Amino acid sequence: MTAKEFQDNISPLIAEKLENLEVISEWRAFENMPYQYSPRVDIAVGPFSVAPGRNRTANYNQLLRNNNIEDFLRKIYDFHVENIGDEWLNEINIPEFDFLIRKNQNARCFCAIEIENTSTKKHIMGSMINAASLGRIGIGIAYNESVKRTFVRILNYLGFLKRVEKNTYDATNFLIITKEQIESLLNE
């Protein structure tokens, strides 16, 4: 199965799991702004904050009080912690779940999901930054072990930059899970 076929298969399952929230594949963040770079995420979960000057912080906070949605995200968080592991060179600071889900207060969507299979490290880093920037919660689905290692190495790099006081990007709200983990979670 290709990554695109996988994306098409899990989109409706995500909508079902998240109590029929709007789920859009290939969502563009700034579709009606031709002067603005418009990142595209593989799967975006609404509600969407696309009107200038109006964010959905209150809506996202309300969604996080829904037990089913919180449970789904907590399981992804637990997989993320498992995937980071306890490497001795680990620069990744994993915050508590309650801090992480409230990190991006001015998100354009509730969840921004990127599925990575065979891309360059630069492309994967761009996907991570877009998901963390656009989503209240950014999620990276590693289609294989190599991509999972790349996700972790990039988070390590960003953590290193922060520790040594270099310019960096805060990807605190970006969670790494594998294709198999999301499949098991969606089929529960």
N, C-alpha and C. Protein backbone atom coordinates (compact mmCIF):
# COMPACT_ATOMS: atom_id res chain seq x y z
N MET A 1 0.84 -1.18 0.00
CA MET A 1 0.00 0.00 0.00
C MET A 1 0.89 1.25 0.00
N THR A 2 0.57 2.20 -0.85
CA THR A 2 1.34 3.43 -0.89
C THR A 2 0.96 4.32 0.29
N ALA A 3 1.78 5.32 0.56
CA ALA A 3 1.48 6.26 1.64
C ALA A 3 0.19 7.02 1.34
N LYS A 4 -0.05 7.34 0.08
CA LYS A 4 -1.29 8.04 -0.31
C LYS A 4 -2.50 7.15 -0.07
N GLU A 5 -2.42 5.88 -0.42
CA GLU A 5 -3.52 4.95 -0.16
C GLU A 5 -3.76 4.82 1.34
N PHE A 6 -2.68 4.75 2.09
CA PHE A 6 -2.77 4.70 3.55
C PHE A 6 -3.49 5.95 4.08
N GLN A 7 -3.10 7.10 3.57
CA GLN A 7 -3.73 8.36 3.96
C GLN A 7 -5.23 8.33 3.68
N ASP A 8 -5.60 7.87 2.50
CA ASP A 8 -7.02 7.78 2.13
C ASP A 8 -7.78 6.80 3.02
N ASN A 9 -7.11 5.74 3.45
CA ASN A 9 -7.75 4.74 4.32
C ASN A 9 -7.96 5.25 5.75
N ILE A 10 -6.98 6.00 6.28
CA ILE A 10 -7.10 6.37 7.69
C ILE A 10 -7.89 7.66 7.91
N SER A 11 -8.03 8.50 6.90
CA SER A 11 -8.77 9.76 7.09
C SER A 11 -10.18 9.54 7.64
N PRO A 12 -10.99 8.67 7.04
CA PRO A 12 -12.33 8.46 7.61
C PRO A 12 -12.31 7.79 8.99
N LEU A 13 -11.29 6.96 9.24
CA LEU A 13 -11.18 6.32 10.55
C LEU A 13 -10.84 7.35 11.63
N ILE A 14 -10.03 8.33 11.28
CA ILE A 14 -9.71 9.41 12.22
C ILE A 14 -10.97 10.22 12.52
N ALA A 15 -11.75 10.53 11.49
CA ALA A 15 -13.00 11.29 11.69
C ALA A 15 -13.94 10.52 12.61
N GLU A 16 -14.02 9.23 12.42
CA GLU A 16 -14.88 8.40 13.26
C GLU A 16 -14.37 8.36 14.71
N LYS A 17 -13.08 8.20 14.87
CA LYS A 17 -12.47 8.11 16.20
C LYS A 17 -12.59 9.44 16.95
N LEU A 18 -12.53 10.54 16.22
CA LEU A 18 -12.59 11.86 16.85
C LEU A 18 -14.01 12.45 16.79
N GLU A 19 -14.99 11.57 16.87
CA GLU A 19 -16.39 11.96 16.98
C GLU A 19 -16.85 12.84 15.83
N ASN A 20 -16.48 12.39 14.62
CA ASN A 20 -16.93 13.03 13.39
C ASN A 20 -16.53 14.48 13.23
N LEU A 21 -15.35 14.84 13.75
CA LEU A 21 -14.80 16.15 13.45
C LEU A 21 -14.46 16.18 11.96
N GLU A 22 -14.46 17.35 11.39
CA GLU A 22 -14.14 17.46 9.97
C GLU A 22 -12.68 17.08 9.75
N VAL A 23 -12.45 16.18 8.80
CA VAL A 23 -11.10 15.72 8.46
C VAL A 23 -10.91 15.95 6.97
N ILE A 24 -9.84 16.66 6.63
CA ILE A 24 -9.56 16.99 5.24
C ILE A 24 -8.18 16.48 4.86
N SER A 25 -8.12 15.73 3.76
CA SER A 25 -6.83 15.30 3.21
C SER A 25 -6.29 16.40 2.31
N GLU A 26 -4.96 16.55 2.32
CA GLU A 26 -4.29 17.53 1.48
C GLU A 26 -4.81 18.95 1.76
N TRP A 27 -4.91 19.30 3.04
CA TRP A 27 -5.45 20.61 3.46
C TRP A 27 -4.40 21.71 3.29
N ARG A 28 -4.81 22.80 2.68
CA ARG A 28 -3.95 23.98 2.52
C ARG A 28 -4.32 25.02 3.56
N ALA A 29 -3.34 25.51 4.27
CA ALA A 29 -3.56 26.40 5.41
C ALA A 29 -3.97 27.81 5.01
N PHE A 30 -3.51 28.28 3.88
CA PHE A 30 -3.80 29.65 3.45
C PHE A 30 -4.29 29.64 2.01
N GLU A 31 -5.33 28.90 1.76
CA GLU A 31 -5.78 28.64 0.40
C GLU A 31 -6.17 29.91 -0.37
N ASN A 32 -6.79 30.86 0.27
CA ASN A 32 -7.28 32.05 -0.43
C ASN A 32 -6.37 33.26 -0.26
N MET A 33 -5.10 33.02 -0.02
CA MET A 33 -4.14 34.10 0.15
C MET A 33 -2.98 33.88 -0.82
N PRO A 34 -3.12 34.31 -2.07
CA PRO A 34 -2.10 34.00 -3.08
C PRO A 34 -0.73 34.61 -2.79
N TYR A 35 -0.66 35.62 -1.96
CA TYR A 35 0.61 36.26 -1.62
C TYR A 35 1.34 35.54 -0.49
N GLN A 36 0.69 34.56 0.12
CA GLN A 36 1.21 33.86 1.30
C GLN A 36 1.61 32.44 0.93
N TYR A 37 2.78 32.00 1.39
CA TYR A 37 3.13 30.58 1.27
C TYR A 37 2.05 29.78 1.96
N SER A 38 1.57 28.74 1.32
CA SER A 38 0.47 27.96 1.88
C SER A 38 0.87 26.50 2.05
N PRO A 39 1.38 26.16 3.26
CA PRO A 39 1.75 24.76 3.47
C PRO A 39 0.54 23.85 3.34
N ARG A 40 0.81 22.63 2.90
CA ARG A 40 -0.23 21.61 2.77
C ARG A 40 0.13 20.47 3.71
N VAL A 41 -0.82 20.08 4.53
CA VAL A 41 -0.59 18.91 5.39
C VAL A 41 -1.39 17.74 4.84
N ASP A 42 -0.88 16.54 5.09
CA ASP A 42 -1.53 15.35 4.55
C ASP A 42 -2.95 15.19 5.05
N ILE A 43 -3.14 15.34 6.37
CA ILE A 43 -4.47 15.23 6.96
C ILE A 43 -4.60 16.33 8.01
N ALA A 44 -5.69 17.07 7.94
CA ALA A 44 -5.96 18.10 8.95
C ALA A 44 -7.32 17.81 9.57
N VAL A 45 -7.38 18.01 10.89
CA VAL A 45 -8.62 17.81 11.64
C VAL A 45 -9.10 19.17 12.13
N GLY A 46 -10.35 19.49 11.85
CA GLY A 46 -10.94 20.76 12.27
C GLY A 46 -11.47 20.68 13.69
N PRO A 47 -12.00 21.78 14.15
CA PRO A 47 -12.38 22.95 13.39
C PRO A 47 -11.16 23.74 12.91
N PHE A 48 -11.40 24.51 11.84
CA PHE A 48 -10.32 25.23 11.19
C PHE A 48 -10.41 26.71 11.50
N SER A 49 -9.27 27.30 11.74
CA SER A 49 -9.17 28.72 12.05
C SER A 49 -8.59 29.43 10.83
N VAL A 50 -9.46 29.82 9.92
CA VAL A 50 -8.99 30.40 8.67
C VAL A 50 -9.42 31.85 8.49
N ALA A 51 -10.26 32.37 9.37
CA ALA A 51 -10.68 33.77 9.27
C ALA A 51 -9.64 34.65 9.97
N PRO A 52 -9.17 35.70 9.30
CA PRO A 52 -8.17 36.58 9.90
C PRO A 52 -8.65 37.16 11.23
N GLY A 53 -7.75 37.17 12.21
CA GLY A 53 -8.06 37.78 13.51
C GLY A 53 -8.95 36.95 14.42
N ARG A 54 -9.30 35.74 14.00
CA ARG A 54 -10.18 34.90 14.83
C ARG A 54 -9.55 33.52 14.98
N ASN A 55 -9.21 33.17 16.22
CA ASN A 55 -8.66 31.83 16.41
C ASN A 55 -9.69 30.93 17.09
N ARG A 56 -9.36 29.67 17.17
CA ARG A 56 -10.28 28.66 17.71
C ARG A 56 -9.80 28.09 19.03
N THR A 57 -9.03 28.86 19.79
CA THR A 57 -8.48 28.36 21.05
C THR A 57 -9.56 27.79 21.96
N ALA A 58 -10.65 28.52 22.11
CA ALA A 58 -11.73 28.06 22.99
C ALA A 58 -12.33 26.75 22.48
N ASN A 59 -12.51 26.65 21.16
CA ASN A 59 -13.04 25.40 20.58
C ASN A 59 -12.10 24.23 20.84
N TYR A 60 -10.80 24.46 20.65
CA TYR A 60 -9.82 23.39 20.86
C TYR A 60 -9.77 22.99 22.33
N ASN A 61 -9.85 23.96 23.22
CA ASN A 61 -9.87 23.65 24.66
C ASN A 61 -11.09 22.81 25.00
N GLN A 62 -12.22 23.13 24.41
CA GLN A 62 -13.45 22.35 24.64
C GLN A 62 -13.28 20.92 24.14
N LEU A 63 -12.70 20.76 22.95
CA LEU A 63 -12.48 19.41 22.41
C LEU A 63 -11.59 18.57 23.33
N LEU A 64 -10.62 19.23 23.94
CA LEU A 64 -9.70 18.51 24.82
C LEU A 64 -10.36 18.05 26.12
N ARG A 65 -11.54 18.56 26.40
CA ARG A 65 -12.30 18.10 27.58
C ARG A 65 -13.19 16.89 27.25
N ASN A 66 -13.25 16.53 25.97
CA ASN A 66 -14.00 15.36 25.55
C ASN A 66 -13.16 14.13 25.87
N ASN A 67 -13.71 13.22 26.66
CA ASN A 67 -12.95 12.04 27.12
C ASN A 67 -12.43 11.18 25.97
N ASN A 68 -13.24 10.97 24.92
CA ASN A 68 -12.80 10.13 23.81
C ASN A 68 -11.64 10.77 23.05
N ILE A 69 -11.74 12.07 22.82
CA ILE A 69 -10.67 12.77 22.10
C ILE A 69 -9.41 12.82 22.95
N GLU A 70 -9.56 13.15 24.23
CA GLU A 70 -8.39 13.19 25.11
C GLU A 70 -7.72 11.82 25.20
N ASP A 71 -8.53 10.75 25.31
CA ASP A 71 -7.99 9.40 25.39
C ASP A 71 -7.21 9.04 24.12
N PHE A 72 -7.75 9.38 22.96
CA PHE A 72 -7.10 9.13 21.68
C PHE A 72 -5.74 9.84 21.63
N LEU A 73 -5.73 11.12 22.00
CA LEU A 73 -4.48 11.89 21.97
C LEU A 73 -3.48 11.41 23.02
N ARG A 74 -3.98 11.00 24.18
CA ARG A 74 -3.09 10.48 25.22
C ARG A 74 -2.40 9.20 24.76
N LYS A 75 -3.11 8.35 24.03
CA LYS A 75 -2.50 7.12 23.51
C LYS A 75 -1.42 7.45 22.47
N ILE A 76 -1.67 8.47 21.65
CA ILE A 76 -0.65 8.90 20.69
C ILE A 76 0.56 9.44 21.45
N TYR A 77 0.31 10.23 22.49
CA TYR A 77 1.39 10.75 23.33
C TYR A 77 2.21 9.61 23.93
N ASP A 78 1.54 8.59 24.45
CA ASP A 78 2.25 7.44 25.04
C ASP A 78 3.11 6.72 23.99
N PHE A 79 2.58 6.57 22.77
CA PHE A 79 3.38 5.98 21.69
C PHE A 79 4.59 6.87 21.40
N HIS A 80 4.38 8.18 21.39
CA HIS A 80 5.45 9.14 21.13
C HIS A 80 6.58 8.96 22.16
N VAL A 81 6.21 8.90 23.44
CA VAL A 81 7.21 8.73 24.51
C VAL A 81 7.96 7.42 24.29
N GLU A 82 7.25 6.37 23.95
CA GLU A 82 7.87 5.07 23.67
C GLU A 82 8.83 5.16 22.48
N ASN A 83 8.44 5.90 21.45
CA ASN A 83 9.25 6.01 20.24
C ASN A 83 10.51 6.85 20.44
N ILE A 84 10.45 7.82 21.34
CA ILE A 84 11.63 8.63 21.63
C ILE A 84 12.67 7.77 22.33
N GLY A 85 12.22 6.92 23.23
CA GLY A 85 13.13 6.00 23.92
C GLY A 85 14.00 6.71 24.93
N ASP A 86 15.01 6.02 25.37
CA ASP A 86 15.90 6.58 26.40
C ASP A 86 17.35 6.61 25.90
N GLU A 87 17.52 7.10 24.68
CA GLU A 87 18.87 7.20 24.12
C GLU A 87 19.74 8.10 25.00
N TRP A 88 20.98 7.74 25.16
CA TRP A 88 21.85 8.51 26.05
C TRP A 88 22.18 9.89 25.49
N LEU A 89 22.07 10.08 24.18
CA LEU A 89 22.33 11.39 23.60
C LEU A 89 21.04 12.18 23.37
N ASN A 90 19.99 11.78 24.01
CA ASN A 90 18.69 12.38 23.79
C ASN A 90 18.66 13.84 24.26
N GLU A 91 18.36 14.74 23.35
CA GLU A 91 18.22 16.17 23.65
C GLU A 91 16.76 16.58 23.74
N ILE A 92 15.86 15.62 23.56
CA ILE A 92 14.43 15.93 23.49
C ILE A 92 13.87 16.05 24.90
N ASN A 93 13.25 17.17 25.15
CA ASN A 93 12.55 17.38 26.41
C ASN A 93 11.08 17.06 26.17
N ILE A 94 10.60 15.97 26.76
CA ILE A 94 9.21 15.58 26.57
C ILE A 94 8.38 16.17 27.71
N PRO A 95 7.53 17.14 27.40
CA PRO A 95 6.72 17.76 28.45
C PRO A 95 5.57 16.85 28.86
N GLU A 96 4.95 17.20 29.96
CA GLU A 96 3.74 16.49 30.38
C GLU A 96 2.66 16.64 29.31
N PHE A 97 1.78 15.66 29.22
CA PHE A 97 0.71 15.65 28.23
C PHE A 97 -0.12 16.93 28.29
N ASP A 98 -0.52 17.36 29.49
CA ASP A 98 -1.39 18.53 29.62
C ASP A 98 -0.72 19.82 29.13
N PHE A 99 0.59 19.91 29.23
CA PHE A 99 1.31 21.07 28.70
C PHE A 99 1.37 20.99 27.17
N LEU A 100 1.71 19.83 26.66
CA LEU A 100 1.89 19.64 25.23
C LEU A 100 0.63 19.97 24.45
N ILE A 101 -0.53 19.52 24.91
CA ILE A 101 -1.77 19.72 24.15
C ILE A 101 -2.27 21.16 24.19
N ARG A 102 -1.64 21.99 25.00
CA ARG A 102 -2.01 23.40 25.07
C ARG A 102 -0.92 24.32 24.55
N LYS A 103 0.10 23.75 23.95
CA LYS A 103 1.27 24.53 23.53
C LYS A 103 0.95 25.54 22.43
N ASN A 104 0.32 25.12 21.36
CA ASN A 104 0.08 26.00 20.21
C ASN A 104 -1.31 26.62 20.32
N GLN A 105 -1.38 27.74 20.99
CA GLN A 105 -2.67 28.38 21.25
C GLN A 105 -3.28 29.05 20.02
N ASN A 106 -2.49 29.37 19.02
CA ASN A 106 -3.02 30.06 17.84
C ASN A 106 -2.92 29.16 16.60
N ALA A 107 -3.38 27.93 16.74
CA ALA A 107 -3.30 26.96 15.65
C ALA A 107 -4.36 27.25 14.58
N ARG A 108 -4.12 26.76 13.38
CA ARG A 108 -5.09 26.91 12.30
C ARG A 108 -6.00 25.69 12.16
N CYS A 109 -5.62 24.58 12.81
CA CYS A 109 -6.48 23.39 12.84
C CYS A 109 -6.22 22.66 14.16
N PHE A 110 -7.11 21.74 14.50
CA PHE A 110 -6.97 21.02 15.76
C PHE A 110 -5.78 20.07 15.70
N CYS A 111 -5.72 19.23 14.66
CA CYS A 111 -4.58 18.32 14.48
C CYS A 111 -4.08 18.45 13.05
N ALA A 112 -2.77 18.50 12.90
CA ALA A 112 -2.13 18.50 11.58
C ALA A 112 -1.27 17.24 11.52
N ILE A 113 -1.56 16.38 10.56
CA ILE A 113 -0.92 15.07 10.48
C ILE A 113 -0.13 14.96 9.18
N GLU A 114 1.13 14.57 9.32
CA GLU A 114 1.99 14.33 8.17
C GLU A 114 2.38 12.85 8.15
N ILE A 115 2.25 12.23 6.99
CA ILE A 115 2.65 10.84 6.79
C ILE A 115 3.92 10.86 5.95
N GLU A 116 5.00 10.32 6.49
CA GLU A 116 6.28 10.33 5.77
C GLU A 116 6.72 8.91 5.47
N ASN A 117 7.15 8.73 4.21
CA ASN A 117 7.59 7.42 3.77
C ASN A 117 9.02 7.48 3.22
N THR A 118 9.22 8.14 2.12
CA THR A 118 10.54 8.18 1.49
C THR A 118 10.86 9.61 1.07
N SER A 119 11.14 10.47 1.99
CA SER A 119 11.46 11.85 1.68
C SER A 119 12.87 12.18 2.18
N THR A 120 13.36 13.31 1.74
CA THR A 120 14.66 13.78 2.22
C THR A 120 14.50 14.27 3.66
N LYS A 121 15.60 14.37 4.37
CA LYS A 121 15.56 14.88 5.74
C LYS A 121 15.07 16.32 5.78
N LYS A 122 15.43 17.11 4.80
CA LYS A 122 14.96 18.50 4.73
C LYS A 122 13.44 18.54 4.55
N HIS A 123 12.92 17.68 3.70
CA HIS A 123 11.47 17.62 3.49
C HIS A 123 10.76 17.19 4.78
N ILE A 124 11.33 16.20 5.45
CA ILE A 124 10.73 15.72 6.70
C ILE A 124 10.75 16.82 7.76
N MET A 125 11.86 17.56 7.85
CA MET A 125 11.92 18.67 8.80
C MET A 125 10.85 19.71 8.47
N GLY A 126 10.66 20.01 7.20
CA GLY A 126 9.61 20.95 6.80
C GLY A 126 8.23 20.45 7.18
N SER A 127 7.99 19.16 7.00
CA SER A 127 6.70 18.57 7.39
C SER A 127 6.48 18.70 8.90
N MET A 128 7.54 18.46 9.67
CA MET A 128 7.43 18.56 11.13
C MET A 128 7.09 20.00 11.54
N ILE A 129 7.78 20.96 10.96
CA ILE A 129 7.55 22.36 11.30
C ILE A 129 6.15 22.79 10.90
N ASN A 130 5.70 22.38 9.71
CA ASN A 130 4.34 22.72 9.28
C ASN A 130 3.29 22.12 10.21
N ALA A 131 3.45 20.84 10.57
CA ALA A 131 2.47 20.20 11.46
C ALA A 131 2.45 20.86 12.83
N ALA A 132 3.63 21.15 13.39
CA ALA A 132 3.69 21.77 14.72
C ALA A 132 3.17 23.20 14.68
N SER A 133 3.35 23.91 13.57
CA SER A 133 2.90 25.29 13.45
C SER A 133 1.40 25.39 13.20
N LEU A 134 0.88 24.54 12.35
CA LEU A 134 -0.51 24.65 11.93
C LEU A 134 -1.48 23.96 12.88
N GLY A 135 -1.06 22.89 13.52
CA GLY A 135 -1.97 22.13 14.38
C GLY A 135 -1.81 22.46 15.84
N ARG A 136 -2.91 22.44 16.56
CA ARG A 136 -2.81 22.51 18.02
C ARG A 136 -1.94 21.35 18.48
N ILE A 137 -2.15 20.20 17.81
CA ILE A 137 -1.29 19.04 18.00
C ILE A 137 -0.79 18.64 16.61
N GLY A 138 0.52 18.54 16.44
CA GLY A 138 1.10 18.05 15.20
C GLY A 138 1.47 16.59 15.39
N ILE A 139 1.20 15.80 14.37
CA ILE A 139 1.47 14.36 14.46
C ILE A 139 2.24 13.94 13.21
N GLY A 140 3.34 13.23 13.41
CA GLY A 140 4.09 12.66 12.32
C GLY A 140 3.94 11.16 12.34
N ILE A 141 3.44 10.61 11.25
CA ILE A 141 3.30 9.16 11.14
C ILE A 141 4.47 8.64 10.30
N ALA A 142 5.33 7.86 10.95
CA ALA A 142 6.48 7.27 10.27
C ALA A 142 6.03 5.98 9.59
N TYR A 143 6.14 5.96 8.29
CA TYR A 143 5.70 4.81 7.51
C TYR A 143 6.67 3.63 7.63
N ASN A 144 7.88 3.93 8.10
CA ASN A 144 8.89 2.87 8.26
C ASN A 144 9.87 3.28 9.36
N GLU A 145 10.74 2.36 9.72
CA GLU A 145 11.70 2.59 10.81
C GLU A 145 12.69 3.70 10.49
N SER A 146 13.09 3.80 9.24
CA SER A 146 14.04 4.84 8.84
C SER A 146 13.46 6.24 9.07
N VAL A 147 12.20 6.43 8.71
CA VAL A 147 11.56 7.74 8.91
C VAL A 147 11.39 8.01 10.40
N LYS A 148 11.06 7.00 11.17
CA LYS A 148 10.94 7.20 12.63
C LYS A 148 12.26 7.70 13.20
N ARG A 149 13.36 7.07 12.80
CA ARG A 149 14.69 7.50 13.26
C ARG A 149 14.97 8.94 12.83
N THR A 150 14.56 9.29 11.61
CA THR A 150 14.77 10.66 11.13
C THR A 150 13.96 11.66 11.95
N PHE A 151 12.71 11.35 12.23
CA PHE A 151 11.89 12.23 13.09
C PHE A 151 12.60 12.46 14.42
N VAL A 152 13.05 11.37 15.05
CA VAL A 152 13.69 11.48 16.37
C VAL A 152 14.99 12.27 16.27
N ARG A 153 15.78 12.01 15.24
CA ARG A 153 17.05 12.72 15.09
C ARG A 153 16.82 14.22 14.89
N ILE A 154 15.78 14.58 14.15
CA ILE A 154 15.50 16.01 13.94
C ILE A 154 15.03 16.65 15.24
N LEU A 155 14.18 15.96 16.01
CA LEU A 155 13.78 16.51 17.32
C LEU A 155 15.00 16.65 18.22
N ASN A 156 15.91 15.67 18.18
CA ASN A 156 17.15 15.77 18.95
C ASN A 156 17.95 17.00 18.52
N TYR A 157 18.05 17.21 17.22
CA TYR A 157 18.79 18.36 16.71
C TYR A 157 18.17 19.68 17.19
N LEU A 158 16.84 19.79 17.10
CA LEU A 158 16.17 21.01 17.56
C LEU A 158 16.38 21.22 19.06
N GLY A 159 16.36 20.13 19.83
CA GLY A 159 16.63 20.21 21.27
C GLY A 159 18.05 20.64 21.55
N PHE A 160 19.00 20.12 20.77
CA PHE A 160 20.40 20.53 20.92
C PHE A 160 20.55 22.02 20.65
N LEU A 161 19.96 22.51 19.57
CA LEU A 161 20.05 23.93 19.25
C LEU A 161 19.52 24.79 20.39
N LYS A 162 18.43 24.36 20.98
CA LYS A 162 17.86 25.12 22.10
C LYS A 162 18.82 25.11 23.29
N ARG A 163 19.37 23.95 23.60
CA ARG A 163 20.26 23.83 24.76
C ARG A 163 21.49 24.70 24.64
N VAL A 164 22.04 24.80 23.42
CA VAL A 164 23.25 25.60 23.24
C VAL A 164 22.93 27.03 22.80
N GLU A 165 21.68 27.41 22.96
CA GLU A 165 21.20 28.78 22.74
C GLU A 165 21.42 29.28 21.32
N LYS A 166 21.13 28.42 20.36
CA LYS A 166 21.13 28.79 18.95
C LYS A 166 19.69 29.05 18.52
N ASN A 167 19.52 29.69 17.37
CA ASN A 167 18.18 29.84 16.82
C ASN A 167 17.62 28.45 16.55
N THR A 168 16.37 28.25 16.90
CA THR A 168 15.75 26.95 16.70
C THR A 168 14.25 27.11 16.52
N TYR A 169 13.56 26.00 16.39
CA TYR A 169 12.11 25.97 16.27
C TYR A 169 11.57 25.08 17.38
N ASP A 170 10.53 25.53 18.05
CA ASP A 170 9.92 24.77 19.13
C ASP A 170 8.87 23.80 18.56
N ALA A 171 9.20 22.53 18.56
CA ALA A 171 8.29 21.49 18.06
C ALA A 171 7.74 20.66 19.22
N THR A 172 7.54 21.31 20.36
CA THR A 172 7.06 20.63 21.56
C THR A 172 5.76 19.87 21.31
N ASN A 173 4.88 20.42 20.47
CA ASN A 173 3.57 19.82 20.24
C ASN A 173 3.56 18.82 19.09
N PHE A 174 4.74 18.37 18.65
CA PHE A 174 4.82 17.40 17.55
C PHE A 174 5.04 16.00 18.12
N LEU A 175 4.15 15.09 17.78
CA LEU A 175 4.19 13.71 18.29
C LEU A 175 4.55 12.75 17.16
N ILE A 176 5.43 11.81 17.47
CA ILE A 176 5.89 10.82 16.50
C ILE A 176 5.24 9.47 16.80
N ILE A 177 4.56 8.92 15.78
CA ILE A 177 4.01 7.57 15.90
C ILE A 177 4.31 6.80 14.62
N THR A 178 4.19 5.50 14.69
CA THR A 178 4.44 4.69 13.51
C THR A 178 3.13 4.34 12.82
N LYS A 179 3.26 3.89 11.59
CA LYS A 179 2.11 3.43 10.81
C LYS A 179 1.37 2.33 11.57
N GLU A 180 2.11 1.39 12.14
CA GLU A 180 1.47 0.28 12.86
C GLU A 180 0.76 0.76 14.12
N GLN A 181 1.34 1.75 14.81
CA GLN A 181 0.71 2.26 16.02
C GLN A 181 -0.60 2.97 15.72
N ILE A 182 -0.64 3.79 14.68
CA ILE A 182 -1.89 4.48 14.36
C ILE A 182 -2.93 3.48 13.87
N GLU A 183 -2.51 2.46 13.12
CA GLU A 183 -3.46 1.44 12.69
C GLU A 183 -4.07 0.71 13.87
N SER A 184 -3.26 0.35 14.84
CA SER A 184 -3.79 -0.37 16.01
C SER A 184 -4.73 0.53 16.80
N LEU A 185 -4.38 1.79 16.93
CA LEU A 185 -5.23 2.74 17.66
C LEU A 185 -6.56 2.97 16.95
N LEU A 186 -6.54 3.08 15.63
CA LEU A 186 -7.78 3.33 14.88
C LEU A 186 -8.65 2.09 14.79
N ASN A 187 -8.07 0.91 14.97
CA ASN A 187 -8.84 -0.33 14.89
C ASN A 187 -9.29 -0.86 16.25
N GLU A 188 -9.06 -0.09 17.31
CA GLU A 188 -9.48 -0.54 18.66
C GLU A 188 -10.99 -0.60 18.74
